[in-house]
Amino acid sequence: MDFGKSFKHYRQKAGLTQKEAADLIGIKDYQLGNYETNRSQPSLEILVKMSKVYLVSVDKMLGNNLLRNKMEKENPEYSKDYVDINEILKSLSEYVEQVNKKNKQ
């Protein structure tokens, strides 16, 4: 799996330059560049910060729900609590759209 491409994809999807994203994450822009080109791998702490800045779950950013699958194996109840941030944003967007339509009527 090319994690670097995924990191770059979600950064760009968030509309951020490397410098902007690095500042928000709390690292140097060259470090972020190294992650995006697979010259080095971020720590778990940095992955979590990236996911918060990019508004995407760590497991989705890593491409195939590795973290979710691991957690479900360790705790079958985990999947009941799991919610992807993108699902929340989509639902919120749909709700706002419905409210706006009702207010226009």
PDB file of N, CA and C in Angstrom:
ATOM      1  N   MET A   1       0.846  -1.189   0.000  1.00  0.00           N
ATOM      2  CA  MET A   1       0.000   0.000   0.000  1.00  0.00           C
ATOM      3  C   MET A   1       0.882   1.239   0.000  1.00  0.00           C
ATOM      4  N   ASP A   2       0.557   2.168  -0.850  1.00  0.00           N
ATOM      5  CA  ASP A   2       1.301   3.422  -0.940  1.00  0.00           C
ATOM      6  C   ASP A   2       0.651   4.449  -0.022  1.00  0.00           C
ATOM      7  N   PHE A   3       1.084   4.453   1.238  1.00  0.00           N
ATOM      8  CA  PHE A   3       0.498   5.371   2.215  1.00  0.00           C
ATOM      9  C   PHE A   3       0.753   6.823   1.832  1.00  0.00           C
ATOM     10  N   GLY A   4       1.908   7.103   1.241  1.00  0.00           N
ATOM     11  CA  GLY A   4       2.242   8.473   0.862  1.00  0.00           C
ATOM     12  C   GLY A   4       1.213   9.081  -0.072  1.00  0.00           C
ATOM     13  N   LYS A   5       0.771   8.315  -1.058  1.00  0.00           N
ATOM     14  CA  LYS A   5      -0.250   8.808  -1.987  1.00  0.00           C
ATOM     15  C   LYS A   5      -1.545   9.115  -1.252  1.00  0.00           C
ATOM     16  N   SER A   6      -1.870   8.265  -0.300  1.00  0.00           N
ATOM     17  CA  SER A   6      -3.081   8.475   0.488  1.00  0.00           C
ATOM     18  C   SER A   6      -2.966   9.749   1.329  1.00  0.00           C
ATOM     19  N   PHE A   7      -1.813   9.941   1.976  1.00  0.00           N
ATOM     20  CA  PHE A   7      -1.614  11.145   2.793  1.00  0.00           C
ATOM     21  C   PHE A   7      -1.763  12.397   1.923  1.00  0.00           C
ATOM     22  N   LYS A   8      -1.143  12.376   0.750  1.00  0.00           N
ATOM     23  CA  LYS A   8      -1.208  13.522  -0.157  1.00  0.00           C
ATOM     24  C   LYS A   8      -2.641  13.735  -0.647  1.00  0.00           C
ATOM     25  N   HIS A   9      -3.330  12.649  -0.990  1.00  0.00           N
ATOM     26  CA  HIS A   9      -4.708  12.737  -1.474  1.00  0.00           C
ATOM     27  C   HIS A   9      -5.607  13.435  -0.447  1.00  0.00           C
ATOM     28  N   TYR A  10      -5.547  12.984   0.813  1.00  0.00           N
ATOM     29  CA  TYR A  10      -6.434  13.560   1.824  1.00  0.00           C
ATOM     30  C   TYR A  10      -6.028  14.982   2.198  1.00  0.00           C
ATOM     31  N   ARG A  11      -4.727  15.307   2.106  1.00  0.00           N
ATOM     32  CA  ARG A  11      -4.296  16.688   2.342  1.00  0.00           C
ATOM     33  C   ARG A  11      -4.869  17.585   1.259  1.00  0.00           C
ATOM     34  N   GLN A  12      -4.735  17.167   0.008  1.00  0.00           N
ATOM     35  CA  GLN A  12      -5.259  17.954  -1.102  1.00  0.00           C
ATOM     36  C   GLN A  12      -6.781  18.046  -1.058  1.00  0.00           C
ATOM     37  N   LYS A  13      -7.422  16.961  -0.672  1.00  0.00           N
ATOM     38  CA  LYS A  13      -8.883  16.953  -0.545  1.00  0.00           C
ATOM     39  C   LYS A  13      -9.343  17.959   0.512  1.00  0.00           C
ATOM     40  N   ALA A  14      -8.500  18.154   1.537  1.00  0.00           N
ATOM     41  CA  ALA A  14      -8.805  19.128   2.578  1.00  0.00           C
ATOM     42  C   ALA A  14      -8.491  20.559   2.116  1.00  0.00           C
ATOM     43  N   GLY A  15      -7.886  20.687   0.925  1.00  0.00           N
ATOM     44  CA  GLY A  15      -7.597  22.004   0.376  1.00  0.00           C
ATOM     45  C   GLY A  15      -6.394  22.686   0.999  1.00  0.00           C
ATOM     46  N   LEU A  16      -5.441  21.885   1.465  1.00  0.00           N
ATOM     47  CA  LEU A  16      -4.281  22.432   2.170  1.00  0.00           C
ATOM     48  C   LEU A  16      -2.990  22.231   1.384  1.00  0.00           C
ATOM     49  N   THR A  17      -2.106  23.215   1.467  1.00  0.00           N
ATOM     50  CA  THR A  17      -0.759  23.039   0.940  1.00  0.00           C
ATOM     51  C   THR A  17       0.032  22.223   1.962  1.00  0.00           C
ATOM     52  N   GLN A  18       1.206  21.749   1.554  1.00  0.00           N
ATOM     53  CA  GLN A  18       2.048  21.019   2.503  1.00  0.00           C
ATOM     54  C   GLN A  18       2.393  21.906   3.692  1.00  0.00           C
ATOM     55  N   LYS A  19       2.715  23.154   3.435  1.00  0.00           N
ATOM     56  CA  LYS A  19       3.099  24.087   4.507  1.00  0.00           C
ATOM     57  C   LYS A  19       1.940  24.301   5.471  1.00  0.00           C
ATOM     58  N   GLU A  20       0.748  24.544   4.940  1.00  0.00           N
ATOM     59  CA  GLU A  20      -0.429  24.763   5.794  1.00  0.00           C
ATOM     60  C   GLU A  20      -0.725  23.534   6.649  1.00  0.00           C
ATOM     61  N   ALA A  21      -0.723  22.366   6.005  1.00  0.00           N
ATOM     62  CA  ALA A  21      -1.017  21.126   6.730  1.00  0.00           C
ATOM     63  C   ALA A  21       0.043  20.858   7.790  1.00  0.00           C
ATOM     64  N   ALA A  22       1.308  21.034   7.434  1.00  0.00           N
ATOM     65  CA  ALA A  22       2.397  20.788   8.384  1.00  0.00           C
ATOM     66  C   ALA A  22       2.271  21.696   9.600  1.00  0.00           C
ATOM     67  N   ASP A  23       1.935  22.957   9.372  1.00  0.00           N
ATOM     68  CA  ASP A  23       1.755  23.896  10.492  1.00  0.00           C
ATOM     69  C   ASP A  23       0.624  23.448  11.415  1.00  0.00           C
ATOM     70  N   LEU A  24      -0.483  23.006  10.825  1.00  0.00           N
ATOM     71  CA  LEU A  24      -1.622  22.554  11.625  1.00  0.00           C
ATOM     72  C   LEU A  24      -1.316  21.259  12.385  1.00  0.00           C
ATOM     73  N   ILE A  25      -0.520  20.397  11.766  1.00  0.00           N
ATOM     74  CA  ILE A  25      -0.160  19.119  12.390  1.00  0.00           C
ATOM     75  C   ILE A  25       0.912  19.321  13.451  1.00  0.00           C
ATOM     76  N   GLY A  26       1.748  20.351  13.250  1.00  0.00           N
ATOM     77  CA  GLY A  26       2.814  20.636  14.208  1.00  0.00           C
ATOM     78  C   GLY A  26       4.141  20.004  13.822  1.00  0.00           C
ATOM     79  N   ILE A  27       4.368  19.880  12.511  1.00  0.00           N
ATOM     80  CA  ILE A  27       5.628  19.331  12.010  1.00  0.00           C
ATOM     81  C   ILE A  27       6.169  20.272  10.934  1.00  0.00           C
ATOM     82  N   LYS A  28       7.370  19.992  10.471  1.00  0.00           N
ATOM     83  CA  LYS A  28       7.966  20.776   9.382  1.00  0.00           C
ATOM     84  C   LYS A  28       7.404  20.288   8.048  1.00  0.00           C
ATOM     85  N   ASP A  29       7.323  21.193   7.080  1.00  0.00           N
ATOM     86  CA  ASP A  29       6.761  20.806   5.788  1.00  0.00           C
ATOM     87  C   ASP A  29       7.603  19.746   5.082  1.00  0.00           C
ATOM     88  N   TYR A  30       8.919  19.753   5.301  1.00  0.00           N
ATOM     89  CA  TYR A  30       9.743  18.714   4.671  1.00  0.00           C
ATOM     90  C   TYR A  30       9.437  17.337   5.262  1.00  0.00           C
ATOM     91  N   GLN A  31       9.040  17.305   6.557  1.00  0.00           N
ATOM     92  CA  GLN A  31       8.658  16.016   7.156  1.00  0.00           C
ATOM     93  C   GLN A  31       7.397  15.478   6.485  1.00  0.00           C
ATOM     94  N   LEU A  32       6.423  16.356   6.292  1.00  0.00           N
ATOM     95  CA  LEU A  32       5.188  15.944   5.618  1.00  0.00           C
ATOM     96  C   LEU A  32       5.495  15.481   4.200  1.00  0.00           C
ATOM     97  N   GLY A  33       6.391  16.175   3.527  1.00  0.00           N
ATOM     98  CA  GLY A  33       6.813  15.760   2.192  1.00  0.00           C
ATOM     99  C   GLY A  33       7.432  14.373   2.207  1.00  0.00           C
ATOM    100  N   ASN A  34       8.222  14.083   3.237  1.00  0.00           N
ATOM    101  CA  ASN A  34       8.821  12.747   3.367  1.00  0.00           C
ATOM    102  C   ASN A  34       7.748  11.677   3.559  1.00  0.00           C
ATOM    103  N   TYR A  35       6.692  11.993   4.313  1.00  0.00           N
ATOM    104  CA  TYR A  35       5.603  11.031   4.510  1.00  0.00           C
ATOM    105  C   TYR A  35       4.869  10.793   3.189  1.00  0.00           C
ATOM    106  N   GLU A  36       4.658  11.875   2.428  1.00  0.00           N
ATOM    107  CA  GLU A  36       3.908  11.775   1.184  1.00  0.00           C
ATOM    108  C   GLU A  36       4.699  11.083   0.073  1.00  0.00           C
ATOM    109  N   THR A  37       6.003  11.017   0.212  1.00  0.00           N
ATOM    110  CA  THR A  37       6.829  10.347  -0.796  1.00  0.00           C
ATOM    111  C   THR A  37       7.386   9.023  -0.275  1.00  0.00           C
ATOM    112  N   ASN A  38       6.876   8.585   0.866  1.00  0.00           N
ATOM    113  CA  ASN A  38       7.265   7.299   1.475  1.00  0.00           C
ATOM    114  C   ASN A  38       8.743   7.217   1.858  1.00  0.00           C
ATOM    115  N   ARG A  39       9.389   8.363   2.069  1.00  0.00           N
ATOM    116  CA  ARG A  39      10.772   8.342   2.544  1.00  0.00           C
ATOM    117  C   ARG A  39      10.834   8.046   4.035  1.00  0.00           C
ATOM    118  N   SER A  40       9.723   8.349   4.725  1.00  0.00           N
ATOM    119  CA  SER A  40       9.610   7.996   6.144  1.00  0.00           C
ATOM    120  C   SER A  40       8.136   7.816   6.464  1.00  0.00           C
ATOM    121  N   GLN A  41       7.881   7.206   7.611  1.00  0.00           N
ATOM    122  CA  GLN A  41       6.507   6.938   8.035  1.00  0.00           C
ATOM    123  C   GLN A  41       6.204   7.727   9.307  1.00  0.00           C
ATOM    124  N   PRO A  42       5.016   8.311   9.392  1.00  0.00           N
ATOM    125  CA  PRO A  42       4.659   9.070  10.592  1.00  0.00           C
ATOM    126  C   PRO A  42       4.389   8.153  11.781  1.00  0.00           C
ATOM    127  N   SER A  43       4.604   8.698  12.953  1.00  0.00           N
ATOM    128  CA  SER A  43       4.251   7.973  14.175  1.00  0.00           C
ATOM    129  C   SER A  43       2.732   7.931  14.300  1.00  0.00           C
ATOM    130  N   LEU A  44       2.240   7.117  15.219  1.00  0.00           N
ATOM    131  CA  LEU A  44       0.795   7.054  15.450  1.00  0.00           C
ATOM    132  C   LEU A  44       0.267   8.420  15.885  1.00  0.00           C
ATOM    133  N   GLU A  45       1.029   9.117  16.711  1.00  0.00           N
ATOM    134  CA  GLU A  45       0.620  10.448  17.170  1.00  0.00           C
ATOM    135  C   GLU A  45       0.430  11.399  15.982  1.00  0.00           C
ATOM    136  N   ILE A  46       1.358  11.364  15.043  1.00  0.00           N
ATOM    137  CA  ILE A  46       1.261  12.221  13.862  1.00  0.00           C
ATOM    138  C   ILE A  46       0.109  11.772  12.965  1.00  0.00           C
ATOM    139  N   LEU A  47      -0.103  10.466  12.827  1.00  0.00           N
ATOM    140  CA  LEU A  47      -1.236   9.968  12.040  1.00  0.00           C
ATOM    141  C   LEU A  47      -2.560  10.492  12.592  1.00  0.00           C
ATOM    142  N   VAL A  48      -2.689  10.475  13.904  1.00  0.00           N
ATOM    143  CA  VAL A  48      -3.917  10.967  14.534  1.00  0.00           C
ATOM    144  C   VAL A  48      -4.092  12.455  14.255  1.00  0.00           C
ATOM    145  N   LYS A  49      -3.012  13.221  14.364  1.00  0.00           N
ATOM    146  CA  LYS A  49      -3.092  14.661  14.070  1.00  0.00           C
ATOM    147  C   LYS A  49      -3.457  14.894  12.608  1.00  0.00           C
ATOM    148  N   MET A  50      -2.864  14.111  11.706  1.00  0.00           N
ATOM    149  CA  MET A  50      -3.187  14.234  10.288  1.00  0.00           C
ATOM    150  C   MET A  50      -4.673  13.957  10.059  1.00  0.00           C
ATOM    151  N   SER A  51      -5.175  12.925  10.693  1.00  0.00           N
ATOM    152  CA  SER A  51      -6.582  12.564  10.488  1.00  0.00           C
ATOM    153  C   SER A  51      -7.513  13.672  10.979  1.00  0.00           C
ATOM    154  N   LYS A  52      -7.147  14.329  12.064  1.00  0.00           N
ATOM    155  CA  LYS A  52      -7.967  15.444  12.572  1.00  0.00           C
ATOM    156  C   LYS A  52      -7.917  16.641  11.634  1.00  0.00           C
ATOM    157  N   VAL A  53      -6.741  16.953  11.130  1.00  0.00           N
ATOM    158  CA  VAL A  53      -6.585  18.085  10.219  1.00  0.00           C
ATOM    159  C   VAL A  53      -7.289  17.807   8.887  1.00  0.00           C
ATOM    160  N   TYR A  54      -7.188  16.581   8.382  1.00  0.00           N
ATOM    161  CA  TYR A  54      -7.764  16.237   7.085  1.00  0.00           C
ATOM    162  C   TYR A  54      -9.227  15.801   7.184  1.00  0.00           C
ATOM    163  N   LEU A  55      -9.742  15.684   8.398  1.00  0.00           N
ATOM    164  CA  LEU A  55     -11.132  15.266   8.635  1.00  0.00           C
ATOM    165  C   LEU A  55     -11.436  13.897   8.027  1.00  0.00           C
ATOM    166  N   VAL A  56     -10.548  12.959   8.294  1.00  0.00           N
ATOM    167  CA  VAL A  56     -10.724  11.591   7.815  1.00  0.00           C
ATOM    168  C   VAL A  56     -10.193  10.648   8.891  1.00  0.00           C
ATOM    169  N   SER A  57     -10.808   9.502   9.063  1.00  0.00           N
ATOM    170  CA  SER A  57     -10.349   8.570  10.080  1.00  0.00           C
ATOM    171  C   SER A  57      -8.995   7.986   9.694  1.00  0.00           C
ATOM    172  N   VAL A  58      -8.223   7.605  10.693  1.00  0.00           N
ATOM    173  CA  VAL A  58      -6.902   7.028  10.452  1.00  0.00           C
ATOM    174  C   VAL A  58      -7.026   5.784   9.585  1.00  0.00           C
ATOM    175  N   ASP A  59      -7.964   4.916   9.907  1.00  0.00           N
ATOM    176  CA  ASP A  59      -8.081   3.682   9.143  1.00  0.00           C
ATOM    177  C   ASP A  59      -8.446   3.952   7.686  1.00  0.00           C
ATOM    178  N   LYS A  60      -9.289   4.922   7.436  1.00  0.00           N
ATOM    179  CA  LYS A  60      -9.626   5.248   6.045  1.00  0.00           C
ATOM    180  C   LYS A  60      -8.417   5.854   5.343  1.00  0.00           C
ATOM    181  N   MET A  61      -7.674   6.701   6.051  1.00  0.00           N
ATOM    182  CA  MET A  61      -6.479   7.302   5.463  1.00  0.00           C
ATOM    183  C   MET A  61      -5.440   6.232   5.120  1.00  0.00           C
ATOM    184  N   LEU A  62      -5.407   5.156   5.903  1.00  0.00           N
ATOM    185  CA  LEU A  62      -4.468   4.075   5.635  1.00  0.00           C
ATOM    186  C   LEU A  62      -4.975   3.131   4.547  1.00  0.00           C
ATOM    187  N   GLY A  63      -6.211   3.353   4.115  1.00  0.00           N
ATOM    188  CA  GLY A  63      -6.649   2.707   2.896  1.00  0.00           C
ATOM    189  C   GLY A  63      -7.554   1.504   2.979  1.00  0.00           C
ATOM    190  N   ASN A  64      -7.504   0.737   4.028  1.00  0.00           N
ATOM    191  CA  ASN A  64      -8.331  -0.473   3.997  1.00  0.00           C
ATOM    192  C   ASN A  64      -8.878  -0.868   5.364  1.00  0.00           C
ATOM    193  N   ASN A  65      -9.127   0.104   6.190  1.00  0.00           N
ATOM    194  CA  ASN A  65      -9.749  -0.142   7.490  1.00  0.00           C
ATOM    195  C   ASN A  65      -8.966  -1.121   8.362  1.00  0.00           C
ATOM    196  N   LEU A  66      -7.635  -1.072   8.292  1.00  0.00           N
ATOM    197  CA  LEU A  66      -6.811  -1.967   9.103  1.00  0.00           C
ATOM    198  C   LEU A  66      -7.084  -1.805  10.590  1.00  0.00           C
ATOM    199  N   LEU A  67      -7.160  -0.558  11.032  1.00  0.00           N
ATOM    200  CA  LEU A  67      -7.387  -0.304  12.453  1.00  0.00           C
ATOM    201  C   LEU A  67      -8.756  -0.813  12.886  1.00  0.00           C
ATOM    202  N   ARG A  68      -9.773  -0.546  12.080  1.00  0.00           N
ATOM    203  CA  ARG A  68     -11.122  -1.007  12.416  1.00  0.00           C
ATOM    204  C   ARG A  68     -11.171  -2.531  12.492  1.00  0.00           C
ATOM    205  N   ASN A  69     -10.584  -3.208  11.508  1.00  0.00           N
ATOM    206  CA  ASN A  69     -10.585  -4.669  11.508  1.00  0.00           C
ATOM    207  C   ASN A  69      -9.881  -5.224  12.741  1.00  0.00           C
ATOM    208  N   LYS A  70      -8.755  -4.625  13.112  1.00  0.00           N
ATOM    209  CA  LYS A  70      -8.012  -5.064  14.297  1.00  0.00           C
ATOM    210  C   LYS A  70      -8.857  -4.873  15.551  1.00  0.00           C
ATOM    211  N   MET A  71      -9.483  -3.713  15.671  1.00  0.00           N
ATOM    212  CA  MET A  71     -10.298  -3.427  16.850  1.00  0.00           C
ATOM    213  C   MET A  71     -11.507  -4.355  16.934  1.00  0.00           C
ATOM    214  N   GLU A  72     -12.120  -4.661  15.794  1.00  0.00           N
ATOM    215  CA  GLU A  72     -13.271  -5.557  15.797  1.00  0.00           C
ATOM    216  C   GLU A  72     -12.877  -6.971  16.223  1.00  0.00           C
ATOM    217  N   LYS A  73     -11.686  -7.406  15.827  1.00  0.00           N
ATOM    218  CA  LYS A  73     -11.217  -8.728  16.237  1.00  0.00           C
ATOM    219  C   LYS A  73     -10.988  -8.771  17.737  1.00  0.00           C
ATOM    220  N   GLU A  74     -10.431  -7.692  18.285  1.00  0.00           N
ATOM    221  CA  GLU A  74     -10.142  -7.644  19.716  1.00  0.00           C
ATOM    222  C   GLU A  74     -11.403  -7.409  20.543  1.00  0.00           C
ATOM    223  N   ASN A  75     -12.362  -6.692  19.971  1.00  0.00           N
ATOM    224  CA  ASN A  75     -13.580  -6.360  20.704  1.00  0.00           C
ATOM    225  C   ASN A  75     -14.756  -6.324  19.719  1.00  0.00           C
ATOM    226  N   PRO A  76     -15.552  -7.395  19.656  1.00  0.00           N
ATOM    227  CA  PRO A  76     -16.668  -7.454  18.703  1.00  0.00           C
ATOM    228  C   PRO A  76     -17.675  -6.315  18.855  1.00  0.00           C
ATOM    229  N   GLU A  77     -17.730  -5.693  20.010  1.00  0.00           N
ATOM    230  CA  GLU A  77     -18.660  -4.585  20.233  1.00  0.00           C
ATOM    231  C   GLU A  77     -18.163  -3.288  19.600  1.00  0.00           C
ATOM    232  N   TYR A  78     -16.902  -3.258  19.187  1.00  0.00           N
ATOM    233  CA  TYR A  78     -16.292  -2.032  18.654  1.00  0.00           C
ATOM    234  C   TYR A  78     -17.071  -1.471  17.470  1.00  0.00           C
ATOM    235  N   SER A  79     -17.508  -2.318  16.556  1.00  0.00           N
ATOM    236  CA  SER A  79     -18.164  -1.836  15.341  1.00  0.00           C
ATOM    237  C   SER A  79     -19.447  -1.070  15.641  1.00  0.00           C
ATOM    238  N   LYS A  80     -20.055  -1.321  16.773  1.00  0.00           N
ATOM    239  CA  LYS A  80     -21.262  -0.580  17.136  1.00  0.00           C
ATOM    240  C   LYS A  80     -20.939   0.884  17.415  1.00  0.00           C
ATOM    241  N   ASP A  81     -19.709   1.150  17.888  1.00  0.00           N
ATOM    242  CA  ASP A  81     -19.305   2.505  18.231  1.00  0.00           C
ATOM    243  C   ASP A  81     -18.590   3.219  17.098  1.00  0.00           C
ATOM    244  N   TYR A  82     -18.195   2.491  16.067  1.00  0.00           N
ATOM    245  CA  TYR A  82     -17.388   3.063  14.998  1.00  0.00           C
ATOM    246  C   TYR A  82     -18.248   3.919  14.081  1.00  0.00           C
ATOM    247  N   VAL A  83     -17.819   5.145  13.856  1.00  0.00           N
ATOM    248  CA  VAL A  83     -18.474   6.026  12.907  1.00  0.00           C
ATOM    249  C   VAL A  83     -17.377   6.772  12.158  1.00  0.00           C
ATOM    250  N   ASP A  84     -17.441   6.735  10.858  1.00  0.00           N
ATOM    251  CA  ASP A  84     -16.472   7.436  10.028  1.00  0.00           C
ATOM    252  C   ASP A  84     -16.845   8.915   9.987  1.00  0.00           C
ATOM    253  N   ILE A  85     -15.867   9.793  10.148  1.00  0.00           N
ATOM    254  CA  ILE A  85     -16.120  11.228  10.143  1.00  0.00           C
ATOM    255  C   ILE A  85     -16.781  11.663   8.836  1.00  0.00           C
ATOM    256  N   ASN A  86     -16.443  11.022   7.728  1.00  0.00           N
ATOM    257  CA  ASN A  86     -17.055  11.386   6.451  1.00  0.00           C
ATOM    258  C   ASN A  86     -18.542  11.062   6.426  1.00  0.00           C
ATOM    259  N   GLU A  87     -18.938   9.979   7.100  1.00  0.00           N
ATOM    260  CA  GLU A  87     -20.362   9.648   7.195  1.00  0.00           C
ATOM    261  C   GLU A  87     -21.096  10.715   8.005  1.00  0.00           C
ATOM    262  N   ILE A  88     -20.480  11.182   9.065  1.00  0.00           N
ATOM    263  CA  ILE A  88     -21.086  12.237   9.891  1.00  0.00           C
ATOM    264  C   ILE A  88     -21.233  13.514   9.081  1.00  0.00           C
ATOM    265  N   LEU A  89     -20.177  13.914   8.369  1.00  0.00           N
ATOM    266  CA  LEU A  89     -20.224  15.136   7.572  1.00  0.00           C
ATOM    267  C   LEU A  89     -21.272  15.048   6.471  1.00  0.00           C
ATOM    268  N   LYS A  90     -21.389  13.880   5.844  1.00  0.00           N
ATOM    269  CA  LYS A  90     -22.388  13.696   4.787  1.00  0.00           C
ATOM    270  C   LYS A  90     -23.801  13.836   5.374  1.00  0.00           C
ATOM    271  N   SER A  91     -24.047  13.190   6.505  1.00  0.00           N
ATOM    272  CA  SER A  91     -25.358  13.274   7.143  1.00  0.00           C
ATOM    273  C   SER A  91     -25.682  14.705   7.553  1.00  0.00           C
ATOM    274  N   LEU A  92     -24.690  15.391   8.104  1.00  0.00           N
ATOM    275  CA  LEU A  92     -24.884  16.778   8.522  1.00  0.00           C
ATOM    276  C   LEU A  92     -25.193  17.662   7.316  1.00  0.00           C
ATOM    277  N   SER A  93     -24.470  17.451   6.237  1.00  0.00           N
ATOM    278  CA  SER A  93     -24.693  18.215   5.014  1.00  0.00           C
ATOM    279  C   SER A  93     -26.106  17.989   4.479  1.00  0.00           C
ATOM    280  N   GLU A  94     -26.554  16.746   4.475  1.00  0.00           N
ATOM    281  CA  GLU A  94     -27.903  16.426   4.009  1.00  0.00           C
ATOM    282  C   GLU A  94     -28.952  17.078   4.896  1.00  0.00           C
ATOM    283  N   TYR A  95     -28.707  17.075   6.205  1.00  0.00           N
ATOM    284  CA  TYR A  95     -29.648  17.691   7.149  1.00  0.00           C
ATOM    285  C   TYR A  95     -29.739  19.198   6.908  1.00  0.00           C
ATOM    286  N   VAL A  96     -28.598  19.842   6.744  1.00  0.00           N
ATOM    287  CA  VAL A  96     -28.566  21.286   6.496  1.00  0.00           C
ATOM    288  C   VAL A  96     -29.296  21.611   5.202  1.00  0.00           C
ATOM    289  N   GLU A  97     -29.110  20.792   4.194  1.00  0.00           N
ATOM    290  CA  GLU A  97     -29.791  20.989   2.914  1.00  0.00           C
ATOM    291  C   GLU A  97     -31.312  20.897   3.095  1.00  0.00           C
ATOM    292  N   GLN A  98     -31.777  19.919   3.863  1.00  0.00           N
ATOM    293  CA  GLN A  98     -33.212  19.762   4.117  1.00  0.00           C
ATOM    294  C   GLN A  98     -33.766  20.974   4.866  1.00  0.00           C
ATOM    295  N   VAL A  99     -33.021  21.437   5.852  1.00  0.00           N
ATOM    296  CA  VAL A  99     -33.470  22.613   6.634  1.00  0.00           C
ATOM    297  C   VAL A  99     -33.530  23.834   5.735  1.00  0.00           C
ATOM    298  N   ASN A 100     -32.541  24.007   4.890  1.00  0.00           N
ATOM    299  CA  ASN A 100     -32.546  25.159   3.980  1.00  0.00           C
ATOM    300  C   ASN A 100     -33.724  25.107   3.024  1.00  0.00           C
ATOM    301  N   LYS A 101     -34.069  23.923   2.517  1.00  0.00           N
ATOM    302  CA  LYS A 101     -35.219  23.791   1.615  1.00  0.00           C
ATOM    303  C   LYS A 101     -36.507  24.150   2.332  1.00  0.00           C
ATOM    304  N   LYS A 102     -36.657  23.693   3.584  1.00  0.00           N
ATOM    305  CA  LYS A 102     -37.870  23.999   4.348  1.00  0.00           C
ATOM    306  C   LYS A 102     -37.974  25.500   4.621  1.00  0.00           C
ATOM    307  N   ASN A 103     -36.824  26.150   4.900  1.00  0.00           N
ATOM    308  CA  ASN A 103     -36.842  27.580   5.177  1.00  0.00           C
ATOM    309  C   ASN A 103     -37.165  28.420   3.945  1.00  0.00           C
ATOM    310  N   LYS A 104     -36.881  27.904   2.766  1.00  0.00           N
ATOM    311  CA  LYS A 104     -37.183  28.617   1.524  1.00  0.00           C
ATOM    312  C   LYS A 104     -38.659  28.530   1.153  1.00  0.00           C
ATOM    313  N   GLN A 105     -39.369  27.539   1.692  1.00  0.00           N
ATOM    314  CA  GLN A 105     -40.783  27.342   1.343  1.00  0.00           C
ATOM    315  C   GLN A 105     -41.664  28.348   2.005  1.00  0.00           C
TER     316      GLN A 105
END
